[in-house]
């Protein structure tokens, strides 16, 4: 189902990649199966989706197993299976655990105007107490064109400001392309370009995250930590939103959701 051997053959590339460990793998799953996964996504205004709409992010998402159609359900089941998780962990040299709750994962959809500021993912799972370690994202937008934007950006870290320093790499969205990356290296990532398709397409992706035992004295950050884009720097309202969005108690009131 998945290009396991390619992951294994590119482990050294993964660990040495800049600005943090990652690999990009095209044709990640069987093409017919990828098409089935793509076609199971709901429409962007489906009432079951959670919609995030604020200056830091514009997207819709869903992680409810009961809402997943057959192929999507089976794929997530496989991605959470002992078979796959143990293989992935052994290849990367990490003891990994799945998150069956898909906290922050599942379906992700970005319409026109879709955005996602550079951010660090939560560090400690709010319910399992494990550290988030590896992200796997699979892009499933058919007929996507580079000019539609939505590129996946990877930023280096500024050790003084503890914010993104420089956009080091952009990965174009491509049907059946996967990105696997380590989230524990001050791994600033997000959409480096806003989505713009004139209403002809939706940026679709499946996301799942793998956990590990947290090292001693790990930062207990249970929410994502965002950074302002260049046009938002020194904006006090944005800075306050970032502060509240990262707060374990205040985050719920900082974005619009429905579902």
Protein backbone atom coordinates (compact mmCIF):
# COMPACT_ATOMS: atom_id res chain seq x y z
CA UNK A 1 0.00 0.00 0.00
CA UNK A 2 2.84 2.40 0.83
CA UNK A 3 6.39 2.85 -0.50
CA UNK A 4 8.00 1.33 2.58
CA UNK A 5 11.23 0.47 0.78
CA UNK A 6 11.71 4.04 -0.43
CA UNK A 7 11.46 5.33 3.12
CA UNK A 8 14.04 2.74 4.19
CA UNK A 9 16.38 3.60 1.33
CA UNK A 10 16.20 7.33 2.10
CA UNK A 11 16.64 7.30 5.87
CA UNK A 12 20.06 8.97 5.64
CA UNK A 13 18.56 11.70 3.44
CA UNK A 14 15.78 12.15 5.99
CA UNK A 15 18.16 12.68 8.91
CA UNK A 16 20.51 15.01 7.02
CA UNK A 17 17.85 17.20 5.39
CA UNK A 18 17.68 20.93 6.13
CA UNK A 19 16.28 22.88 7.85
CA UNK A 20 15.06 19.83 9.80
CA UNK A 21 14.77 16.09 9.06
CA UNK A 22 12.30 15.33 6.27
CA UNK A 23 11.74 13.52 3.00
CA UNK A 24 9.34 14.05 0.10
CA UNK A 25 8.02 10.92 -1.62
CA UNK A 26 6.01 10.98 -4.84
CA UNK A 27 3.48 8.29 -5.83
CA UNK A 28 3.29 7.35 -2.17
CA UNK A 29 0.42 4.89 -2.54
CA UNK A 30 -1.12 2.97 -5.44
CA UNK A 31 -2.51 5.50 -7.92
CA UNK A 32 -6.01 3.99 -8.03
CA UNK A 33 -6.17 3.90 -4.27
CA UNK A 34 -4.96 7.52 -4.07
CA UNK A 35 -7.75 8.53 -6.45
CA UNK A 36 -10.29 6.72 -4.26
CA UNK A 37 -8.99 8.57 -1.20
CA UNK A 38 -9.22 11.90 -3.01
CA UNK A 39 -12.78 11.29 -4.16
CA UNK A 40 -13.94 10.46 -0.62
CA UNK A 41 -13.25 13.97 0.67
CA UNK A 42 -16.43 15.91 1.43
CA UNK A 43 -17.31 19.22 -0.17
CA UNK A 44 -15.70 22.19 1.55
CA UNK A 45 -18.99 23.44 3.03
CA UNK A 46 -19.96 20.07 4.51
CA UNK A 47 -21.53 20.73 7.92
CA UNK A 48 -19.49 17.98 9.60
CA UNK A 49 -16.19 19.80 9.00
CA UNK A 50 -14.55 22.05 11.56
CA UNK A 51 -13.70 25.36 9.91
CA UNK A 52 -10.82 27.48 11.22
CA UNK A 53 -10.97 31.09 10.10
CA UNK A 54 -8.64 33.64 11.67
CA UNK A 55 -5.54 35.64 10.66
CA UNK A 56 -3.27 32.64 11.36
CA UNK A 57 -5.13 29.88 9.53
CA UNK A 58 -7.94 29.32 7.09
CA UNK A 59 -8.84 25.67 6.59
CA UNK A 60 -11.40 22.97 7.28
CA UNK A 61 -10.65 19.65 8.95
CA UNK A 62 -12.18 16.48 10.34
CA UNK A 63 -10.76 13.65 12.44
CA UNK A 64 -13.97 11.70 13.20
CA UNK A 65 -13.49 8.03 12.26
CA UNK A 66 -17.27 7.58 12.02
CA UNK A 67 -17.41 10.11 9.20
CA UNK A 68 -14.63 8.53 7.13
CA UNK A 69 -15.77 6.50 4.08
CA UNK A 70 -14.41 3.00 3.42
CA UNK A 71 -11.04 3.69 1.79
CA UNK A 72 -10.15 6.56 4.09
CA UNK A 73 -11.08 4.52 7.16
CA UNK A 74 -8.99 1.55 6.00
CA UNK A 75 -6.01 3.79 5.19
CA UNK A 76 -5.97 5.43 8.60
CA UNK A 77 -6.39 2.01 10.20
CA UNK A 78 -3.30 0.84 8.34
CA UNK A 79 -1.33 3.98 9.23
CA UNK A 80 -2.14 3.32 12.91
CA UNK A 81 -1.40 -0.41 12.72
CA UNK A 82 1.42 -2.08 14.62
CA UNK A 83 2.76 -3.34 11.29
CA UNK A 84 3.30 0.10 9.80
CA UNK A 85 4.16 2.02 12.97
CA UNK A 86 6.81 -0.48 14.04
CA UNK A 87 8.34 -0.51 10.54
CA UNK A 88 8.45 3.28 10.35
CA UNK A 89 9.93 3.57 13.82
CA UNK A 90 12.57 0.91 13.14
CA UNK A 91 13.62 2.65 9.92
CA UNK A 92 13.91 6.05 11.60
CA UNK A 93 15.49 4.66 14.75
CA UNK A 94 12.68 5.86 17.03
CA UNK A 95 10.19 4.00 19.21
CA UNK A 96 6.92 5.37 17.84
CA UNK A 97 3.32 5.16 18.99
CA UNK A 98 0.21 5.89 16.91
CA UNK A 99 -2.44 8.38 17.95
CA UNK A 100 -5.72 6.57 17.31
CA UNK A 101 -7.58 9.76 18.16
CA UNK A 102 -5.94 11.56 15.22
CA UNK A 103 -5.49 14.65 17.40
CA UNK A 104 -4.91 17.44 14.88
CA UNK A 105 -4.88 14.95 12.01
CA UNK A 106 -7.41 13.46 9.60
CA UNK A 107 -8.78 15.35 6.60
CA UNK A 108 -7.38 18.85 5.97
CA UNK A 109 -8.86 21.10 3.29
CA UNK A 110 -7.85 24.61 2.20
CA UNK A 111 -10.17 26.59 -0.13
CA UNK A 112 -9.28 29.77 -1.98
CA UNK A 113 -7.64 32.10 0.49
CA UNK A 114 -6.52 29.09 2.50
CA UNK A 115 -3.51 29.80 4.67
CA UNK A 116 -1.50 28.43 7.56
CA UNK A 117 1.12 30.63 9.23
CA UNK A 118 4.53 29.17 10.11
CA UNK A 119 4.13 27.26 13.35
CA UNK A 120 5.50 24.63 15.68
CA UNK A 121 3.13 21.76 16.38
CA UNK A 122 2.06 20.91 19.89
CA UNK A 123 4.89 19.22 21.76
CA UNK A 124 3.06 17.06 24.32
CA UNK A 125 -0.19 15.27 23.47
CA UNK A 126 -2.88 16.76 25.76
CA UNK A 127 -4.36 13.36 26.65
CA UNK A 128 -1.61 10.79 26.14
CA UNK A 129 1.30 12.74 27.62
CA UNK A 130 3.55 11.58 24.77
CA UNK A 131 5.71 13.81 22.59
CA UNK A 132 4.70 14.50 19.01
CA UNK A 133 7.61 13.30 16.90
CA UNK A 134 6.82 12.45 13.26
CA UNK A 135 4.29 13.99 10.86
CA UNK A 136 3.09 12.22 7.71
CA UNK A 137 1.11 14.30 5.24
CA UNK A 138 -0.30 13.00 1.95
CA UNK A 139 -1.54 15.47 -0.69
CA UNK A 140 -4.59 14.31 -2.61
CA UNK A 141 -5.71 17.22 -4.81
CA UNK A 142 -6.16 15.96 -8.34
CA UNK A 143 -5.27 18.29 -11.24
CA UNK A 144 -3.45 20.69 -8.93
CA UNK A 145 -1.30 23.32 -10.65
CA UNK A 146 1.77 25.04 -9.13
CA UNK A 147 0.16 28.43 -9.67
CA UNK A 148 -2.62 27.41 -7.27
CA UNK A 149 -0.14 27.91 -4.42
CA UNK A 150 -0.58 26.13 -1.12
CA UNK A 151 3.11 25.17 -1.08
CA UNK A 152 4.42 23.44 2.04
CA UNK A 153 7.09 25.66 3.56
CA UNK A 154 9.98 24.70 5.83
CA UNK A 155 11.64 27.48 7.85
CA UNK A 156 14.88 27.50 9.82
CA UNK A 157 14.78 28.58 13.46
CA UNK A 158 16.12 31.85 14.86
CA UNK A 159 17.83 30.84 18.09
CA UNK A 160 17.59 34.34 19.53
CA UNK A 161 13.96 35.21 18.82
CA UNK A 162 12.77 31.58 18.86
CA UNK A 163 10.81 32.29 15.71
CA UNK A 164 11.20 31.36 12.03
CA UNK A 165 14.40 32.73 10.55
CA UNK A 166 14.31 31.96 6.84
CA UNK A 167 12.11 30.03 4.41
CA UNK A 168 14.60 27.33 3.43
CA UNK A 169 12.45 25.11 1.22
CA UNK A 170 9.10 24.99 -0.53
CA UNK A 171 7.39 21.75 -1.55
CA UNK A 172 4.77 22.07 -4.27
CA UNK A 173 1.47 20.34 -3.72
CA UNK A 174 1.28 17.32 -6.01
CA UNK A 175 -1.29 14.54 -6.18
CA UNK A 176 -0.14 11.46 -4.22
CA UNK A 177 2.95 13.24 -2.84
CA UNK A 178 3.83 12.64 0.81
CA UNK A 179 5.98 14.61 3.21
CA UNK A 180 7.38 12.96 6.34
CA UNK A 181 9.17 15.17 8.85
CA UNK A 182 10.41 15.34 12.43
CA UNK A 183 8.64 17.94 14.56
CA UNK A 184 11.19 18.11 17.39
CA UNK A 185 13.88 20.26 15.74
CA UNK A 186 12.18 23.66 16.09
CA UNK A 187 10.45 22.53 12.90
CA UNK A 188 8.70 25.67 11.68
CA UNK A 189 6.35 24.75 8.86
CA UNK A 190 3.14 25.91 7.21
CA UNK A 191 1.80 27.16 3.90
CA UNK A 192 4.39 29.41 2.29
CA UNK A 193 1.88 30.55 -0.35
CA UNK A 194 -1.82 31.26 -0.01
CA UNK A 195 -4.21 29.02 -1.95
CA UNK A 196 -5.64 30.66 -5.08
CA UNK A 197 -7.53 28.51 -7.61
CA UNK A 198 -10.39 30.82 -8.67
CA UNK A 199 -12.72 28.30 -7.09
CA UNK A 200 -11.69 25.41 -9.33
CA UNK A 201 -9.98 23.19 -6.75
CA UNK A 202 -9.45 22.48 -3.05
CA UNK A 203 -6.11 21.73 -1.41
CA UNK A 204 -6.73 18.29 0.11
CA UNK A 205 -4.44 16.36 2.42
CA UNK A 206 -4.51 13.49 4.88
CA UNK A 207 -2.42 13.94 8.00
CA UNK A 208 -1.36 11.61 10.78
CA UNK A 209 1.12 12.14 13.59
CA UNK A 210 3.28 9.69 15.51
CA UNK A 211 4.35 10.01 19.12
CA UNK A 212 7.32 9.00 21.25
CA UNK A 213 8.27 8.89 24.91
CA UNK A 214 9.08 12.49 25.93
CA UNK A 215 12.63 13.21 27.09
CA UNK A 216 13.14 14.58 30.58
CA UNK A 217 12.23 18.24 31.06
CA UNK A 218 10.33 18.46 27.77
CA UNK A 219 8.40 21.67 27.15
CA UNK A 220 4.76 20.96 27.97
CA UNK A 221 3.26 22.82 25.02
CA UNK A 222 -0.10 21.26 24.18
CA UNK A 223 -1.14 23.70 21.45
CA UNK A 224 0.52 24.88 18.26
CA UNK A 225 2.78 27.94 18.52
CA UNK A 226 2.34 30.27 15.55
CA UNK A 227 4.53 33.03 14.18
CA UNK A 228 3.43 36.14 12.28
CA UNK A 229 3.91 36.39 8.54
CA UNK A 230 6.02 39.29 7.25
CA UNK A 231 2.98 41.55 6.86
CA UNK A 232 1.86 40.77 10.44
CA UNK A 233 5.14 41.50 12.25
CA UNK A 234 4.80 44.06 15.08
CA UNK A 235 1.02 43.88 14.93
CA UNK A 236 -0.08 43.78 18.59
CA UNK A 237 -3.42 42.13 17.77
CA UNK A 238 -1.66 39.30 15.95
CA UNK A 239 0.81 38.87 18.79
CA UNK A 240 -2.06 38.63 21.28
CA UNK A 241 -3.86 36.10 19.08
CA UNK A 242 -0.68 34.00 18.87
CA UNK A 243 -0.33 34.09 22.64
CA UNK A 244 -3.92 33.02 23.25
CA UNK A 245 -3.88 30.44 20.45
CA UNK A 246 -0.96 28.69 22.16
CA UNK A 247 -2.52 28.79 25.62
CA UNK A 248 -3.82 25.43 26.86
CA UNK A 249 -6.97 27.09 28.23
CA UNK A 250 -7.64 30.14 26.03
CA UNK A 251 -7.19 28.60 22.58
CA UNK A 252 -10.83 27.48 22.16
CA UNK A 253 -12.13 31.03 21.78
CA UNK A 254 -9.52 32.14 19.25
CA UNK A 255 -10.86 30.64 16.04
CA UNK A 256 -14.21 30.05 14.42
CA UNK A 257 -15.30 26.43 14.28
CA UNK A 258 -18.41 24.62 13.22
CA UNK A 259 -19.34 20.98 13.07
